[in-house]
Amino acid sequence: MSEDPENLTLRHLRRLDEKLDRLLDDQTEVKQRLGSLEQSTASISVRIDRLDERVARIDKRLHLVAH
């Protein structure tokens, strides 16, 4: 005996809902990880800028560049 079409439809809808929940969880995790990467990149950029300033000061002190 085959399953009631209404029950079959509900079962499929529940599966789709579960899959959608997993996708949303995955998307949330990806967004969090992307945010962490953006923060890390910004931090590295700041550090590079500071190093660039330090090198410029060293060059100036050693008269390696024109004033």
PDB file of N, CA and C in Angstrom:
ATOM      1  N   MET A   1       0.840  -1.172   0.000  1.00  0.00           N
ATOM      2  CA  MET A   1       0.000   0.000   0.000  1.00  0.00           C
ATOM      3  C   MET A   1       0.889   1.240   0.000  1.00  0.00           C
ATOM      4  N   SER A   2       0.564   2.157  -0.881  1.00  0.00           N
ATOM      5  CA  SER A   2       1.397   3.357  -0.991  1.00  0.00           C
ATOM      6  C   SER A   2       1.030   4.379   0.084  1.00  0.00           C
ATOM      7  N   GLU A   3       1.982   5.239   0.305  1.00  0.00           N
ATOM      8  CA  GLU A   3       1.811   6.260   1.340  1.00  0.00           C
ATOM      9  C   GLU A   3       0.852   7.336   0.854  1.00  0.00           C
ATOM     10  N   ASP A   4       0.132   7.920   1.784  1.00  0.00           N
ATOM     11  CA  ASP A   4      -0.798   9.003   1.492  1.00  0.00           C
ATOM     12  C   ASP A   4      -0.025  10.160   0.845  1.00  0.00           C
ATOM     13  N   PRO A   5      -0.508  10.692  -0.281  1.00  0.00           N
ATOM     14  CA  PRO A   5       0.211  11.777  -0.963  1.00  0.00           C
ATOM     15  C   PRO A   5       0.468  12.987  -0.053  1.00  0.00           C
ATOM     16  N   GLU A   6      -0.468  13.260   0.831  1.00  0.00           N
ATOM     17  CA  GLU A   6      -0.290  14.403   1.735  1.00  0.00           C
ATOM     18  C   GLU A   6       0.884  14.148   2.681  1.00  0.00           C
ATOM     19  N   ASN A   7       0.979  12.927   3.209  1.00  0.00           N
ATOM     20  CA  ASN A   7       2.094  12.579   4.094  1.00  0.00           C
ATOM     21  C   ASN A   7       3.427  12.613   3.350  1.00  0.00           C
ATOM     22  N   LEU A   8       3.408  12.148   2.121  1.00  0.00           N
ATOM     23  CA  LEU A   8       4.621  12.160   1.313  1.00  0.00           C
ATOM     24  C   LEU A   8       5.087  13.599   1.077  1.00  0.00           C
ATOM     25  N   THR A   9       4.158  14.458   0.762  1.00  0.00           N
ATOM     26  CA  THR A   9       4.486  15.875   0.555  1.00  0.00           C
ATOM     27  C   THR A   9       5.038  16.490   1.830  1.00  0.00           C
ATOM     28  N   LEU A  10       4.416  16.207   2.947  1.00  0.00           N
ATOM     29  CA  LEU A  10       4.900  16.736   4.223  1.00  0.00           C
ATOM     30  C   LEU A  10       6.302  16.226   4.538  1.00  0.00           C
ATOM     31  N   ARG A  11       6.536  14.972   4.242  1.00  0.00           N
ATOM     32  CA  ARG A  11       7.860  14.396   4.490  1.00  0.00           C
ATOM     33  C   ARG A  11       8.929  15.098   3.647  1.00  0.00           C
ATOM     34  N   HIS A  12       8.595  15.353   2.400  1.00  0.00           N
ATOM     35  CA  HIS A  12       9.535  16.063   1.525  1.00  0.00           C
ATOM     36  C   HIS A  12       9.752  17.500   1.999  1.00  0.00           C
ATOM     37  N   LEU A  13       8.693  18.132   2.426  1.00  0.00           N
ATOM     38  CA  LEU A  13       8.825  19.502   2.934  1.00  0.00           C
ATOM     39  C   LEU A  13       9.695  19.544   4.191  1.00  0.00           C
ATOM     40  N   ARG A  14       9.551  18.563   5.047  1.00  0.00           N
ATOM     41  CA  ARG A  14      10.381  18.505   6.260  1.00  0.00           C
ATOM     42  C   ARG A  14      11.854  18.316   5.899  1.00  0.00           C
ATOM     43  N   ARG A  15      12.108  17.452   4.932  1.00  0.00           N
ATOM     44  CA  ARG A  15      13.497  17.239   4.488  1.00  0.00           C
ATOM     45  C   ARG A  15      14.084  18.525   3.914  1.00  0.00           C
ATOM     46  N   LEU A  16      13.294  19.192   3.093  1.00  0.00           N
ATOM     47  CA  LEU A  16      13.751  20.461   2.529  1.00  0.00           C
ATOM     48  C   LEU A  16      14.022  21.483   3.631  1.00  0.00           C
ATOM     49  N   ASP A  17      13.153  21.508   4.621  1.00  0.00           N
ATOM     50  CA  ASP A  17      13.326  22.436   5.740  1.00  0.00           C
ATOM     51  C   ASP A  17      14.609  22.123   6.514  1.00  0.00           C
ATOM     52  N   GLU A  18      14.888  20.850   6.724  1.00  0.00           N
ATOM     53  CA  GLU A  18      16.118  20.443   7.419  1.00  0.00           C
ATOM     54  C   GLU A  18      17.353  20.844   6.615  1.00  0.00           C
ATOM     55  N   LYS A  19      17.285  20.627   5.309  1.00  0.00           N
ATOM     56  CA  LYS A  19      18.415  20.999   4.455  1.00  0.00           C
ATOM     57  C   LYS A  19      18.622  22.512   4.457  1.00  0.00           C
ATOM     58  N   LEU A  20      17.537  23.241   4.422  1.00  0.00           N
ATOM     59  CA  LEU A  20      17.628  24.700   4.462  1.00  0.00           C
ATOM     60  C   LEU A  20      18.244  25.163   5.777  1.00  0.00           C
ATOM     61  N   ASP A  21      17.857  24.545   6.872  1.00  0.00           N
ATOM     62  CA  ASP A  21      18.448  24.876   8.178  1.00  0.00           C
ATOM     63  C   ASP A  21      19.954  24.636   8.171  1.00  0.00           C
ATOM     64  N   ARG A  22      20.374  23.519   7.593  1.00  0.00           N
ATOM     65  CA  ARG A  22      21.820  23.224   7.532  1.00  0.00           C
ATOM     66  C   ARG A  22      22.546  24.244   6.663  1.00  0.00           C
ATOM     67  N   LEU A  23      21.928  24.614   5.550  1.00  0.00           N
ATOM     68  CA  LEU A  23      22.538  25.618   4.677  1.00  0.00           C
ATOM     69  C   LEU A  23      22.669  26.964   5.388  1.00  0.00           C
ATOM     70  N   LEU A  24      21.643  27.335   6.127  1.00  0.00           N
ATOM     71  CA  LEU A  24      21.692  28.600   6.864  1.00  0.00           C
ATOM     72  C   LEU A  24      22.770  28.563   7.942  1.00  0.00           C
ATOM     73  N   ASP A  25      22.905  27.438   8.613  1.00  0.00           N
ATOM     74  CA  ASP A  25      23.970  27.288   9.613  1.00  0.00           C
ATOM     75  C   ASP A  25      25.344  27.399   8.954  1.00  0.00           C
ATOM     76  N   ASP A  26      25.497  26.740   7.815  1.00  0.00           N
ATOM     77  CA  ASP A  26      26.769  26.804   7.088  1.00  0.00           C
ATOM     78  C   ASP A  26      27.067  28.234   6.640  1.00  0.00           C
ATOM     79  N   GLN A  27      26.041  28.917   6.154  1.00  0.00           N
ATOM     80  CA  GLN A  27      26.226  30.293   5.699  1.00  0.00           C
ATOM     81  C   GLN A  27      26.638  31.193   6.864  1.00  0.00           C
ATOM     82  N   THR A  28      26.035  31.002   8.012  1.00  0.00           N
ATOM     83  CA  THR A  28      26.394  31.781   9.193  1.00  0.00           C
ATOM     84  C   THR A  28      27.855  31.550   9.556  1.00  0.00           C
ATOM     85  N   GLU A  29      28.277  30.296   9.517  1.00  0.00           N
ATOM     86  CA  GLU A  29      29.673  29.975   9.829  1.00  0.00           C
ATOM     87  C   GLU A  29      30.620  30.622   8.821  1.00  0.00           C
ATOM     88  N   VAL A  30      30.267  30.560   7.545  1.00  0.00           N
ATOM     89  CA  VAL A  30      31.111  31.155   6.505  1.00  0.00           C
ATOM     90  C   VAL A  30      31.212  32.667   6.710  1.00  0.00           C
ATOM     91  N   LYS A  31      30.109  33.302   7.058  1.00  0.00           N
ATOM     92  CA  LYS A  31      30.132  34.747   7.295  1.00  0.00           C
ATOM     93  C   LYS A  31      31.010  35.094   8.491  1.00  0.00           C
ATOM     94  N   GLN A  32      30.957  34.294   9.522  1.00  0.00           N
ATOM     95  CA  GLN A  32      31.801  34.537  10.691  1.00  0.00           C
ATOM     96  C   GLN A  32      33.271  34.376  10.334  1.00  0.00           C
ATOM     97  N   ARG A  33      33.574  33.345   9.595  1.00  0.00           N
ATOM     98  CA  ARG A  33      34.969  33.108   9.210  1.00  0.00           C
ATOM     99  C   ARG A  33      35.467  34.205   8.279  1.00  0.00           C
ATOM    100  N   LEU A  34      34.612  34.664   7.377  1.00  0.00           N
ATOM    101  CA  LEU A  34      34.982  35.759   6.484  1.00  0.00           C
ATOM    102  C   LEU A  34      35.246  37.029   7.284  1.00  0.00           C
ATOM    103  N   GLY A  35      34.421  37.281   8.289  1.00  0.00           N
ATOM    104  CA  GLY A  35      34.645  38.438   9.156  1.00  0.00           C
ATOM    105  C   GLY A  35      35.984  38.356   9.859  1.00  0.00           C
ATOM    106  N   SER A  36      36.341  37.172  10.310  1.00  0.00           N
ATOM    107  CA  SER A  36      37.646  36.975  10.952  1.00  0.00           C
ATOM    108  C   SER A  36      38.783  37.232   9.969  1.00  0.00           C
ATOM    109  N   LEU A  37      38.622  36.767   8.748  1.00  0.00           N
ATOM    110  CA  LEU A  37      39.647  37.009   7.725  1.00  0.00           C
ATOM    111  C   LEU A  37      39.784  38.498   7.426  1.00  0.00           C
ATOM    112  N   GLU A  38      38.662  39.201   7.376  1.00  0.00           N
ATOM    113  CA  GLU A  38      38.707  40.643   7.125  1.00  0.00           C
ATOM    114  C   GLU A  38      39.434  41.364   8.253  1.00  0.00           C
ATOM    115  N   GLN A  39      39.172  40.970   9.484  1.00  0.00           N
ATOM    116  CA  GLN A  39      39.860  41.579  10.622  1.00  0.00           C
ATOM    117  C   GLN A  39      41.355  41.291  10.566  1.00  0.00           C
ATOM    118  N   SER A  40      41.707  40.076  10.242  1.00  0.00           N
ATOM    119  CA  SER A  40      43.122  39.711  10.143  1.00  0.00           C
ATOM    120  C   SER A  40      43.816  40.505   9.041  1.00  0.00           C
ATOM    121  N   THR A  41      43.156  40.644   7.909  1.00  0.00           N
ATOM    122  CA  THR A  41      43.720  41.405   6.797  1.00  0.00           C
ATOM    123  C   THR A  41      43.914  42.865   7.181  1.00  0.00           C
ATOM    124  N   ALA A  42      42.939  43.434   7.866  1.00  0.00           N
ATOM    125  CA  ALA A  42      43.053  44.824   8.308  1.00  0.00           C
ATOM    126  C   ALA A  42      44.211  44.978   9.283  1.00  0.00           C
ATOM    127  N   SER A  43      44.367  44.037  10.177  1.00  0.00           N
ATOM    128  CA  SER A  43      45.463  44.074  11.146  1.00  0.00           C
ATOM    129  C   SER A  43      46.817  43.995  10.445  1.00  0.00           C
ATOM    130  N   ILE A  44      46.921  43.122   9.469  1.00  0.00           N
ATOM    131  CA  ILE A  44      48.168  42.995   8.709  1.00  0.00           C
ATOM    132  C   ILE A  44      48.459  44.290   7.953  1.00  0.00           C
ATOM    133  N   SER A  45      47.427  44.892   7.394  1.00  0.00           N
ATOM    134  CA  SER A  45      47.602  46.144   6.663  1.00  0.00           C
ATOM    135  C   SER A  45      48.136  47.244   7.576  1.00  0.00           C
ATOM    136  N   VAL A  46      47.602  47.327   8.784  1.00  0.00           N
ATOM    137  CA  VAL A  46      48.077  48.320   9.756  1.00  0.00           C
ATOM    138  C   VAL A  46      49.540  48.060  10.091  1.00  0.00           C
ATOM    139  N   ARG A  47      49.885  46.817  10.299  1.00  0.00           N
ATOM    140  CA  ARG A  47      51.274  46.474  10.633  1.00  0.00           C
ATOM    141  C   ARG A  47      52.219  46.828   9.488  1.00  0.00           C
ATOM    142  N   ILE A  48      51.800  46.569   8.264  1.00  0.00           N
ATOM    143  CA  ILE A  48      52.630  46.916   7.106  1.00  0.00           C
ATOM    144  C   ILE A  48      52.806  48.428   7.021  1.00  0.00           C
ATOM    145  N   ASP A  49      51.725  49.178   7.257  1.00  0.00           N
ATOM    146  CA  ASP A  49      51.819  50.643   7.242  1.00  0.00           C
ATOM    147  C   ASP A  49      52.813  51.134   8.288  1.00  0.00           C
ATOM    148  N   ARG A  50      52.769  50.561   9.470  1.00  0.00           N
ATOM    149  CA  ARG A  50      53.704  50.956  10.528  1.00  0.00           C
ATOM    150  C   ARG A  50      55.145  50.634  10.137  1.00  0.00           C
ATOM    151  N   LEU A  51      55.351  49.469   9.555  1.00  0.00           N
ATOM    152  CA  LEU A  51      56.695  49.108   9.104  1.00  0.00           C
ATOM    153  C   LEU A  51      57.182  50.068   8.024  1.00  0.00           C
ATOM    154  N   ASP A  52      56.304  50.444   7.128  1.00  0.00           N
ATOM    155  CA  ASP A  52      56.659  51.387   6.073  1.00  0.00           C
ATOM    156  C   ASP A  52      57.093  52.722   6.677  1.00  0.00           C
ATOM    157  N   GLU A  53      56.363  53.186   7.694  1.00  0.00           N
ATOM    158  CA  GLU A  53      56.728  54.436   8.367  1.00  0.00           C
ATOM    159  C   GLU A  53      58.084  54.306   9.051  1.00  0.00           C
ATOM    160  N   ARG A  54      58.312  53.179   9.692  1.00  0.00           N
ATOM    161  CA  ARG A  54      59.595  52.964  10.372  1.00  0.00           C
ATOM    162  C   ARG A  54      60.752  52.947   9.375  1.00  0.00           C
ATOM    163  N   VAL A  55      60.569  52.273   8.264  1.00  0.00           N
ATOM    164  CA  VAL A  55      61.618  52.222   7.243  1.00  0.00           C
ATOM    165  C   VAL A  55      61.884  53.625   6.698  1.00  0.00           C
ATOM    166  N   ALA A  56      60.834  54.400   6.492  1.00  0.00           N
ATOM    167  CA  ALA A  56      61.010  55.774   6.003  1.00  0.00           C
ATOM    168  C   ALA A  56      61.817  56.600   7.000  1.00  0.00           C
ATOM    169  N   ARG A  57      61.539  56.450   8.289  1.00  0.00           N
ATOM    170  CA  ARG A  57      62.301  57.187   9.308  1.00  0.00           C
ATOM    171  C   ARG A  57      63.761  56.743   9.325  1.00  0.00           C
ATOM    172  N   ILE A  58      63.985  55.449   9.210  1.00  0.00           N
ATOM    173  CA  ILE A  58      65.362  54.929   9.187  1.00  0.00           C
ATOM    174  C   ILE A  58      66.107  55.467   7.968  1.00  0.00           C
ATOM    175  N   ASP A  59      65.453  55.428   6.810  1.00  0.00           N
ATOM    176  CA  ASP A  59      66.071  55.968   5.596  1.00  0.00           C
ATOM    177  C   ASP A  59      66.444  57.435   5.779  1.00  0.00           C
ATOM    178  N   LYS A  60      65.540  58.184   6.371  1.00  0.00           N
ATOM    179  CA  LYS A  60      65.782  59.615   6.575  1.00  0.00           C
ATOM    180  C   LYS A  60      66.954  59.826   7.530  1.00  0.00           C
ATOM    181  N   ARG A  61      67.015  59.079   8.608  1.00  0.00           N
ATOM    182  CA  ARG A  61      68.114  59.210   9.573  1.00  0.00           C
ATOM    183  C   ARG A  61      69.456  58.845   8.957  1.00  0.00           C
ATOM    184  N   LEU A  62      69.445  57.881   8.089  1.00  0.00           N
ATOM    185  CA  LEU A  62      70.686  57.450   7.449  1.00  0.00           C
ATOM    186  C   LEU A  62      70.986  58.251   6.179  1.00  0.00           C
ATOM    187  N   HIS A  63      70.138  59.227   5.917  1.00  0.00           N
ATOM    188  CA  HIS A  63      70.285  60.086   4.737  1.00  0.00           C
ATOM    189  C   HIS A  63      70.285  59.275   3.445  1.00  0.00           C
ATOM    190  N   LEU A  64      69.476  58.255   3.425  1.00  0.00           N
ATOM    191  CA  LEU A  64      69.379  57.434   2.218  1.00  0.00           C
ATOM    192  C   LEU A  64      68.380  58.003   1.218  1.00  0.00           C
ATOM    193  N   VAL A  65      67.557  58.921   1.701  1.00  0.00           N
ATOM    194  CA  VAL A  65      66.583  59.562   0.819  1.00  0.00           C
ATOM    195  C   VAL A  65      66.718  61.064   0.980  1.00  0.00           C
ATOM    196  N   ALA A  66      66.312  61.800  -0.037  1.00  0.00           N
ATOM    197  CA  ALA A  66      66.364  63.265   0.036  1.00  0.00           C
ATOM    198  C   ALA A  66      65.303  63.762   1.005  1.00  0.00           C
ATOM    199  N   HIS A  67      65.620  64.819   1.718  1.00  0.00           N
ATOM    200  CA  HIS A  67      64.683  65.388   2.704  1.00  0.00           C
ATOM    201  C   HIS A  67      63.555  66.035   2.002  1.00  0.00           C
TER     202      HIS A  67
END
